[in-house]
PDB file of N, CA and C in Angstrom:
ATOM      1  N   MET A   1      66.521 116.176  65.098  1.00  0.00           N
ATOM      2  CA  MET A   1      67.214 116.839  66.414  1.00  0.00           C
ATOM      3  C   MET A   1      68.600 117.436  65.840  1.00  0.00           C
ATOM      4  N   LYS A   2      68.828 118.403  66.281  1.00  0.00           N
ATOM      5  CA  LYS A   2      70.140 119.243  65.689  1.00  0.00           C
ATOM      6  C   LYS A   2      71.150 119.208  66.888  1.00  0.00           C
ATOM      7  N   LYS A   3      72.414 118.922  66.512  1.00  0.00           N
ATOM      8  CA  LYS A   3      73.447 119.135  67.621  1.00  0.00           C
ATOM      9  C   LYS A   3      74.738 119.690  66.887  1.00  0.00           C
ATOM     10  N   TYR A   4      75.389 120.676  67.556  1.00  0.00           N
ATOM     11  CA  TYR A   4      76.658 121.010  67.107  1.00  0.00           C
ATOM     12  C   TYR A   4      77.927 120.369  68.005  1.00  0.00           C
ATOM     13  N   ILE A   5      78.811 119.996  67.001  1.00  0.00           N
ATOM     14  CA  ILE A   5      79.924 118.881  67.414  1.00  0.00           C
ATOM     15  C   ILE A   5      81.082 119.904  67.105  1.00  0.00           C
ATOM     16  N   LYS A   6      82.065 119.900  67.988  1.00  0.00           N
ATOM     17  CA  LYS A   6      83.331 120.616  68.000  1.00  0.00           C
ATOM     18  C   LYS A   6      84.364 119.767  67.072  1.00  0.00           C
ATOM     19  N   ILE A   7      84.878 120.237  66.003  1.00  0.00           N
ATOM     20  CA  ILE A   7      86.103 119.537  65.380  1.00  0.00           C
ATOM     21  C   ILE A   7      87.293 120.156  65.061  1.00  0.00           C
ATOM     22  N   GLU A   8      88.220 119.995  66.095  1.00  0.00           N
ATOM     23  CA  GLU A   8      89.197 120.872  66.311  1.00  0.00           C
ATOM     24  C   GLU A   8      90.635 120.350  65.485  1.00  0.00           C
ATOM     25  N   ASP A   9      91.254 121.425  65.068  1.00  0.00           N
ATOM     26  CA  ASP A   9      92.702 120.925  64.532  1.00  0.00           C
ATOM     27  C   ASP A   9      92.301 120.037  63.107  1.00  0.00           C
ATOM     28  N   LEU A  10      91.689 120.548  62.143  1.00  0.00           N
ATOM     29  CA  LEU A  10      91.636 120.180  60.813  1.00  0.00           C
ATOM     30  C   LEU A  10      92.938 120.654  60.124  1.00  0.00           C
ATOM     31  N   CYS A  11      93.402 119.763  59.274  1.00  0.00           N
ATOM     32  CA  CYS A  11      94.218 120.592  58.389  1.00  0.00           C
ATOM     33  C   CYS A  11      93.926 121.407  57.339  1.00  0.00           C
ATOM     34  N   CYS A  12      93.046 121.007  56.627  1.00  0.00           N
ATOM     35  CA  CYS A  12      92.492 121.737  55.456  1.00  0.00           C
ATOM     36  C   CYS A  12      90.930 121.565  55.326  1.00  0.00           C
ATOM     37  N   ALA A  13      90.448 122.534  54.500  1.00  0.00           N
ATOM     38  CA  ALA A  13      89.029 122.248  54.168  1.00  0.00           C
ATOM     39  C   ALA A  13      88.529 120.985  53.411  1.00  0.00           C
ATOM     40  N   ASN A  14      89.595 120.406  52.837  1.00  0.00           N
ATOM     41  CA  ASN A  14      89.338 119.116  52.051  1.00  0.00           C
ATOM     42  C   ASN A  14      89.087 118.074  52.873  1.00  0.00           C
ATOM     43  N   CYS A  15      89.733 118.107  53.974  1.00  0.00           N
ATOM     44  CA  CYS A  15      89.543 117.097  55.143  1.00  0.00           C
ATOM     45  C   CYS A  15      87.859 117.230  55.683  1.00  0.00           C
ATOM     46  N   ALA A  16      87.760 118.425  55.705  1.00  0.00           N
ATOM     47  CA  ALA A  16      86.480 118.736  56.437  1.00  0.00           C
ATOM     48  C   ALA A  16      85.265 118.309  55.396  1.00  0.00           C
ATOM     49  N   ALA A  17      85.473 118.606  54.018  1.00  0.00           N
ATOM     50  CA  ALA A  17      84.507 118.101  53.267  1.00  0.00           C
ATOM     51  C   ALA A  17      84.526 116.464  53.126  1.00  0.00           C
ATOM     52  N   LYS A  18      85.556 115.799  53.242  1.00  0.00           N
ATOM     53  CA  LYS A  18      85.691 114.461  53.125  1.00  0.00           C
ATOM     54  C   LYS A  18      84.854 113.771  54.665  1.00  0.00           C
ATOM     55  N   ILE A  19      85.132 114.471  55.608  1.00  0.00           N
ATOM     56  CA  ILE A  19      84.245 114.175  57.025  1.00  0.00           C
ATOM     57  C   ILE A  19      82.812 114.236  56.747  1.00  0.00           C
ATOM     58  N   GLU A  20      82.520 115.401  56.222  1.00  0.00           N
ATOM     59  CA  GLU A  20      81.045 115.795  56.055  1.00  0.00           C
ATOM     60  C   GLU A  20      80.357 114.982  54.905  1.00  0.00           C
ATOM     61  N   LYS A  21      81.048 114.276  53.966  1.00  0.00           N
ATOM     62  CA  LYS A  21      80.355 113.327  53.061  1.00  0.00           C
ATOM     63  C   LYS A  21      80.293 111.977  53.736  1.00  0.00           C
ATOM     64  N   ALA A  22      81.048 111.670  54.428  1.00  0.00           N
ATOM     65  CA  ALA A  22      81.024 110.471  55.178  1.00  0.00           C
ATOM     66  C   ALA A  22      80.294 110.532  56.227  1.00  0.00           C
ATOM     67  N   VAL A  23      80.074 111.330  57.072  1.00  0.00           N
ATOM     68  CA  VAL A  23      79.150 111.370  58.145  1.00  0.00           C
ATOM     69  C   VAL A  23      77.728 111.313  57.607  1.00  0.00           C
ATOM     70  N   SER A  24      77.436 112.124  56.420  1.00  0.00           N
ATOM     71  CA  SER A  24      76.105 112.375  55.723  1.00  0.00           C
ATOM     72  C   SER A  24      75.652 110.797  55.384  1.00  0.00           C
ATOM     73  N   LYS A  25      76.490 110.097  55.239  1.00  0.00           N
ATOM     74  CA  LYS A  25      76.028 108.540  54.747  1.00  0.00           C
ATOM     75  C   LYS A  25      75.938 107.730  56.169  1.00  0.00           C
ATOM     76  N   LEU A  26      76.062 108.221  57.022  1.00  0.00           N
ATOM     77  CA  LEU A  26      75.673 107.278  58.326  1.00  0.00           C
ATOM     78  C   LEU A  26      74.000 107.036  58.359  1.00  0.00           C
ATOM     79  N   ASP A  27      73.593 105.925  58.799  1.00  0.00           N
ATOM     80  CA  ASP A  27      72.339 105.838  59.080  1.00  0.00           C
ATOM     81  C   ASP A  27      71.652 106.677  60.145  1.00  0.00           C
ATOM     82  N   GLY A  28      70.524 107.447  59.975  1.00  0.00           N
ATOM     83  CA  GLY A  28      69.874 108.369  60.840  1.00  0.00           C
ATOM     84  C   GLY A  28      70.321 109.545  60.594  1.00  0.00           C
ATOM     85  N   VAL A  29      71.452 109.899  59.903  1.00  0.00           N
ATOM     86  CA  VAL A  29      71.813 111.276  59.708  1.00  0.00           C
ATOM     87  C   VAL A  29      71.056 111.914  58.462  1.00  0.00           C
ATOM     88  N   SER A  30      70.423 113.016  58.807  1.00  0.00           N
ATOM     89  CA  SER A  30      69.655 113.835  57.478  1.00  0.00           C
ATOM     90  C   SER A  30      70.701 114.833  57.010  1.00  0.00           C
ATOM     91  N   LYS A  31      71.253 115.349  57.549  1.00  0.00           N
ATOM     92  CA  LYS A  31      71.987 116.414  57.248  1.00  0.00           C
ATOM     93  C   LYS A  31      73.505 116.478  58.145  1.00  0.00           C
ATOM     94  N   CYS A  32      74.342 116.803  57.337  1.00  0.00           N
ATOM     95  CA  CYS A  32      75.762 117.120  57.989  1.00  0.00           C
ATOM     96  C   CYS A  32      76.502 118.318  57.371  1.00  0.00           C
ATOM     97  N   THR A  33      76.787 119.165  57.937  1.00  0.00           N
ATOM     98  CA  THR A  33      77.437 120.517  57.489  1.00  0.00           C
ATOM     99  C   THR A  33      78.867 120.799  58.225  1.00  0.00           C
ATOM    100  N   VAL A  34      80.045 120.746  57.820  1.00  0.00           N
ATOM    101  CA  VAL A  34      81.221 120.893  58.584  1.00  0.00           C
ATOM    102  C   VAL A  34      81.738 122.452  58.284  1.00  0.00           C
ATOM    103  N   ASN A  35      81.965 123.220  59.205  1.00  0.00           N
ATOM    104  CA  ASN A  35      82.408 124.730  58.952  1.00  0.00           C
ATOM    105  C   ASN A  35      83.948 124.352  59.264  1.00  0.00           C
ATOM    106  N   PHE A  36      84.754 124.584  58.351  1.00  0.00           N
ATOM    107  CA  PHE A  36      86.300 124.282  58.552  1.00  0.00           C
ATOM    108  C   PHE A  36      86.692 125.506  59.280  1.00  0.00           C
ATOM    109  N   MET A  37      86.329 126.953  59.147  1.00  0.00           N
ATOM    110  CA  MET A  37      86.841 128.014  59.697  1.00  0.00           C
ATOM    111  C   MET A  37      86.363 127.912  61.182  1.00  0.00           C
ATOM    112  N   ALA A  38      85.113 127.490  61.439  1.00  0.00           N
ATOM    113  CA  ALA A  38      84.625 127.523  62.734  1.00  0.00           C
ATOM    114  C   ALA A  38      84.495 126.594  63.531  1.00  0.00           C
ATOM    115  N   GLU A  39      85.619 125.555  62.936  1.00  0.00           N
ATOM    116  CA  GLU A  39      85.872 124.198  63.707  1.00  0.00           C
ATOM    117  C   GLU A  39      84.785 123.523  64.170  1.00  0.00           C
ATOM    118  N   LYS A  40      83.495 123.541  63.670  1.00  0.00           N
ATOM    119  CA  LYS A  40      82.309 122.844  63.852  1.00  0.00           C
ATOM    120  C   LYS A  40      81.597 122.149  63.040  1.00  0.00           C
ATOM    121  N   MET A  41      80.586 121.256  63.472  1.00  0.00           N
ATOM    122  CA  MET A  41      79.808 120.529  62.539  1.00  0.00           C
ATOM    123  C   MET A  41      78.337 120.641  63.096  1.00  0.00           C
ATOM    124  N   LEU A  42      77.673 120.822  62.036  1.00  0.00           N
ATOM    125  CA  LEU A  42      76.114 120.841  62.402  1.00  0.00           C
ATOM    126  C   LEU A  42      75.511 119.548  62.001  1.00  0.00           C
ATOM    127  N   LEU A  43      74.713 118.828  62.881  1.00  0.00           N
ATOM    128  CA  LEU A  43      74.508 117.379  62.715  1.00  0.00           C
ATOM    129  C   LEU A  43      72.899 117.366  62.794  1.00  0.00           C
ATOM    130  N   GLU A  44      72.170 117.094  61.690  1.00  0.00           N
ATOM    131  CA  GLU A  44      70.936 116.885  61.931  1.00  0.00           C
ATOM    132  C   GLU A  44      70.664 115.383  61.879  1.00  0.00           C
ATOM    133  N   TYR A  45      69.751 114.723  62.877  1.00  0.00           N
ATOM    134  CA  TYR A  45      69.674 113.338  62.736  1.00  0.00           C
ATOM    135  C   TYR A  45      68.496 112.929  63.325  1.00  0.00           C
ATOM    136  N   ASP A  46      68.082 111.752  62.967  1.00  0.00           N
ATOM    137  CA  ASP A  46      66.570 111.080  63.555  1.00  0.00           C
ATOM    138  C   ASP A  46      66.910 110.847  65.050  1.00  0.00           C
ATOM    139  N   GLU A  47      66.070 111.496  65.945  1.00  0.00           N
ATOM    140  CA  GLU A  47      66.101 111.482  67.313  1.00  0.00           C
ATOM    141  C   GLU A  47      65.863 109.896  67.790  1.00  0.00           C
ATOM    142  N   SER A  48      65.418 109.088  67.123  1.00  0.00           N
ATOM    143  CA  SER A  48      65.127 107.609  67.469  1.00  0.00           C
ATOM    144  C   SER A  48      66.520 106.834  67.468  1.00  0.00           C
ATOM    145  N   LYS A  49      67.494 107.504  67.044  1.00  0.00           N
ATOM    146  CA  LYS A  49      68.893 106.729  66.850  1.00  0.00           C
ATOM    147  C   LYS A  49      69.608 107.142  68.190  1.00  0.00           C
ATOM    148  N   ASN A  50      70.419 106.449  68.702  1.00  0.00           N
ATOM    149  CA  ASN A  50      71.268 106.434  69.699  1.00  0.00           C
ATOM    150  C   ASN A  50      72.342 107.472  69.355  1.00  0.00           C
ATOM    151  N   PHE A  51      72.318 108.620  70.156  1.00  0.00           N
ATOM    152  CA  PHE A  51      73.204 109.540  69.987  1.00  0.00           C
ATOM    153  C   PHE A  51      74.798 109.161  70.154  1.00  0.00           C
ATOM    154  N   ASP A  52      74.861 108.297  71.448  1.00  0.00           N
ATOM    155  CA  ASP A  52      76.210 108.200  71.675  1.00  0.00           C
ATOM    156  C   ASP A  52      76.752 106.995  70.475  1.00  0.00           C
ATOM    157  N   GLU A  53      76.115 106.230  70.190  1.00  0.00           N
ATOM    158  CA  GLU A  53      76.557 105.328  69.034  1.00  0.00           C
ATOM    159  C   GLU A  53      76.971 106.226  67.780  1.00  0.00           C
ATOM    160  N   LEU A  54      76.025 107.032  67.439  1.00  0.00           N
ATOM    161  CA  LEU A  54      76.345 108.193  66.189  1.00  0.00           C
ATOM    162  C   LEU A  54      77.560 108.865  66.635  1.00  0.00           C
ATOM    163  N   PHE A  55      77.699 109.396  67.806  1.00  0.00           N
ATOM    164  CA  PHE A  55      78.888 109.920  67.992  1.00  0.00           C
ATOM    165  C   PHE A  55      80.137 109.469  67.969  1.00  0.00           C
ATOM    166  N   ALA A  56      80.051 108.105  68.206  1.00  0.00           N
ATOM    167  CA  ALA A  56      81.487 107.311  68.344  1.00  0.00           C
ATOM    168  C   ALA A  56      81.622 107.028  66.654  1.00  0.00           C
ATOM    169  N   ASN A  57      80.599 106.876  66.021  1.00  0.00           N
ATOM    170  CA  ASN A  57      81.033 106.745  64.438  1.00  0.00           C
ATOM    171  C   ASN A  57      81.590 107.851  64.021  1.00  0.00           C
ATOM    172  N   ILE A  58      81.072 109.032  64.370  1.00  0.00           N
ATOM    173  CA  ILE A  58      81.413 110.230  63.876  1.00  0.00           C
ATOM    174  C   ILE A  58      83.008 110.672  64.266  1.00  0.00           C
ATOM    175  N   LYS A  59      83.411 110.328  65.569  1.00  0.00           N
ATOM    176  CA  LYS A  59      84.764 110.283  66.005  1.00  0.00           C
ATOM    177  C   LYS A  59      85.570 109.282  65.264  1.00  0.00           C
ATOM    178  N   GLU A  60      85.079 108.155  65.004  1.00  0.00           N
ATOM    179  CA  GLU A  60      86.042 107.226  64.124  1.00  0.00           C
ATOM    180  C   GLU A  60      86.236 107.628  62.887  1.00  0.00           C
ATOM    181  N   ILE A  61      85.248 108.156  62.136  1.00  0.00           N
ATOM    182  CA  ILE A  61      85.259 108.940  60.837  1.00  0.00           C
ATOM    183  C   ILE A  61      86.342 109.999  60.670  1.00  0.00           C
ATOM    184  N   ALA A  62      86.097 110.834  61.693  1.00  0.00           N
ATOM    185  CA  ALA A  62      86.989 112.056  61.716  1.00  0.00           C
ATOM    186  C   ALA A  62      88.375 111.432  61.879  1.00  0.00           C
ATOM    187  N   ASN A  63      88.652 110.736  62.916  1.00  0.00           N
ATOM    188  CA  ASN A  63      90.027 110.559  63.189  1.00  0.00           C
ATOM    189  C   ASN A  63      90.894 109.443  62.120  1.00  0.00           C
ATOM    190  N   ARG A  64      89.913 108.783  61.274  1.00  0.00           N
ATOM    191  CA  ARG A  64      90.464 108.191  60.244  1.00  0.00           C
ATOM    192  C   ARG A  64      90.876 108.824  58.985  1.00  0.00           C
ATOM    193  N   ILE A  65      90.013 109.968  58.637  1.00  0.00           N
ATOM    194  CA  ILE A  65      90.527 110.883  57.749  1.00  0.00           C
ATOM    195  C   ILE A  65      91.439 111.949  58.229  1.00  0.00           C
ATOM    196  N   GLU A  66      91.427 112.426  59.343  1.00  0.00           N
ATOM    197  CA  GLU A  66      92.369 113.522  60.017  1.00  0.00           C
ATOM    198  C   GLU A  66      92.695 113.147  61.285  1.00  0.00           C
ATOM    199  N   PRO A  67      93.822 112.262  61.614  1.00  0.00           N
ATOM    200  CA  PRO A  67      94.254 111.711  62.720  1.00  0.00           C
ATOM    201  C   PRO A  67      94.695 112.666  63.876  1.00  0.00           C
ATOM    202  N   GLU A  68      94.850 113.756  63.516  1.00  0.00           N
ATOM    203  CA  GLU A  68      95.195 114.892  64.492  1.00  0.00           C
ATOM    204  C   GLU A  68      94.137 115.661  64.964  1.00  0.00           C
ATOM    205  N   CYS A  69      92.962 115.361  64.242  1.00  0.00           N
ATOM    206  CA  CYS A  69      91.745 116.294  64.981  1.00  0.00           C
ATOM    207  C   CYS A  69      91.158 115.729  66.105  1.00  0.00           C
ATOM    208  N   SER A  70      90.443 116.650  66.913  1.00  0.00           N
ATOM    209  CA  SER A  70      89.722 116.339  68.071  1.00  0.00           C
ATOM    210  C   SER A  70      88.408 116.426  67.981  1.00  0.00           C
ATOM    211  N   VAL A  71      87.407 115.479  68.314  1.00  0.00           N
ATOM    212  CA  VAL A  71      85.943 115.677  68.199  1.00  0.00           C
ATOM    213  C   VAL A  71      85.514 115.720  69.611  1.00  0.00           C
ATOM    214  N   SER A  72      84.475 116.670  69.783  1.00  0.00           N
ATOM    215  CA  SER A  72      84.008 117.031  71.022  1.00  0.00           C
ATOM    216  C   SER A  72      82.630 117.746  71.205  1.00  0.00           C
ATOM    217  N   LEU A  73      81.694 117.400  72.155  1.00  0.00           N
ATOM    218  CA  LEU A  73      80.552 118.283  72.283  1.00  0.00           C
ATOM    219  C   LEU A  73      81.024 119.612  72.803  1.00  0.00           C
TER     220      LEU A  73
END
């Protein structure tokens, strides 16, 4: 399953890369690509996983790496 997630107010491409790397390691995620300039993430994940739980983990990771960013659908 593919989903696009908005990640706004990232301070730099380095933060985007850190978020991408951390989210890629989550259970059930097959691919994660963060586009810093477009302020969005392409997430490919196993559809048997609970997306709400996965999304909560993504928000936690993003806010830990870049507290000023906002994550939304």
